[in-house]
Amino acid sequence: MGRDRSPNVLLVVLDSVRAKNCSLYGAARTTTPFLESLAEEAVTYAQARAPSNWSLPSHVSVFTGLEAHEHRLTVHDRLRPGNTVFESLAEDGYETGLFTENGFLNGHDSGIEECFGTVGGVPEEYDDAYDTASLNPGPDGFYYADRLLDWTAERDGAWAACLNLMDAHRPFEPRAAYDEWGDERARDLQADLDVRWEWEFYGSTHPYWRLGGLESLYDGGIRQADAVAERVVETLRRRGELDDTLVVVCGDHGDGFGEPGHLSNEPHAVSHIIPMHEELLHVPLLVRPPGGADGEVCHRPAALTRFPSVVAAHVAGEPPEAGFAAERVLSLKQPVTADLRDRFEDACEDVTPFTAASHAVYTNETGRGVRKRYHWGDEGLEASVSGPGDFAPRREIDPATVTDAFEDSEADVREPMGGRQATEQAKEQLAALGYY
């Protein structure tokens, strides 16, 4: 394959992976050895932030380029056709594919799967070698990677694909080869918990410190996701396709393991959807352009919503100088649904801390850090964040100084589901991941 045509596009989403636990970003455990090697021929964004704190709104933002408060898509909405970068690429002659077990993307009637020409979801039959878990039965990320690679091998022209890997999403069950830090106590704890374990911690059934055991399993999941990404990228390299492909690897959000809040009414970070801690919003972002790069590290704030414009520039043969870097990055906590509120009311005496609105704005700061301004309910805070886990509060602020940045009008890209529900297969997938 020569560079006489538009490049392929590969988006690898490491679902639930936070920067803080990636050795690429300084974590003590070697969770991402492949990404560290890939970084030598890519651009690493040290200060990337997710547009929201869970999968559905973040993916819609990445695919459309719209901020979460602009598209406002929730579990009750459907994305209107014609609004994603993958549909635009299809109009330009690209073949498009989505490969994942994430039911919010491929079976929830959210409209996302219809943005792709080919969708590889959870199969009815598959090789037992991929079935390596008990709490979440079904194939692991290697299965979806191999389906992607089979699909790309059959393409004659340019292709664009998204591979969403759930290996680091709860329940955490990495293969033995990657489960380097977990132990039987951690596995027994996870097995005894409900798969949606927030309420067992928020409701004080378990102390927050016990989440450290689950984090050890989570790190093994990151290590496995890193190995899956390696299989895909190195296979493309062996085929001679890598230098003709734009590769973007990112997290869509992180996960919480009991980290305390910084404001008086802000709850601890447990899993995702509710918290707006840095552990949920600071995510890995690595970009290997066609032909490779020189290992640059960008310390400016980086927005995943830049993905469509970055892709468009590469397809046009004019790579953007700023890439994913942005003057301002926005992150949003969606309103708590009625179902979630009911669960909090069943488990907690006071649901107010969990239903509070929250927004965050990131801007550049002198040096290698970013300035974060955010609020939780009626309290606001400004802080400096120099790196994962390096959070330095500066001063209290008026929440209005944050929310004013979210006054853009709503984009007309969604419609109510109108009573439609997820398929039974999608419900089974999502229940195994802690939903429904």
Foldseek 3Di string as FASTA:
>chain_A
DDLPAFFAEEEEAAEQAFLQLDVCQPHPDPLFPLVVVQLQFWEWEQAEWALEQHDQLRVVLLFQLDRCLQAVDDLQWAFFPDRGLLLVVVVVPAAEEEFEQQLSQCFWNNPNRVSHPYYHYFDPDDDCVQQQDDLQGGGFLLVRLVVVVVVVVPDPDHYYYYYYGCCLFPPQGAHPVLLPQADPVLVVVSVPAQSQRPLCDQLPVDDLVSLVNSVSSSSSSSSVSSVSVVVNQVVCVVVVRNLRYKYKYKYNWHFFRFQQDPDPLAGGTGGTLQHPDSRTIRMIIIIAHRVTHRSHYHLAYFYSSCNSVQSVCSNVVHGDPCRRHDQKYKHWRRADDPVRQVSCVVRDPDCQSRRFTKMWMWGDDPDRWIWIWMAGHQWIWIWIDNGVPRTGTDDTDGRCVGCVVSPDHHDPGMDGPVPDGTDPSSVSSVSSSPDD
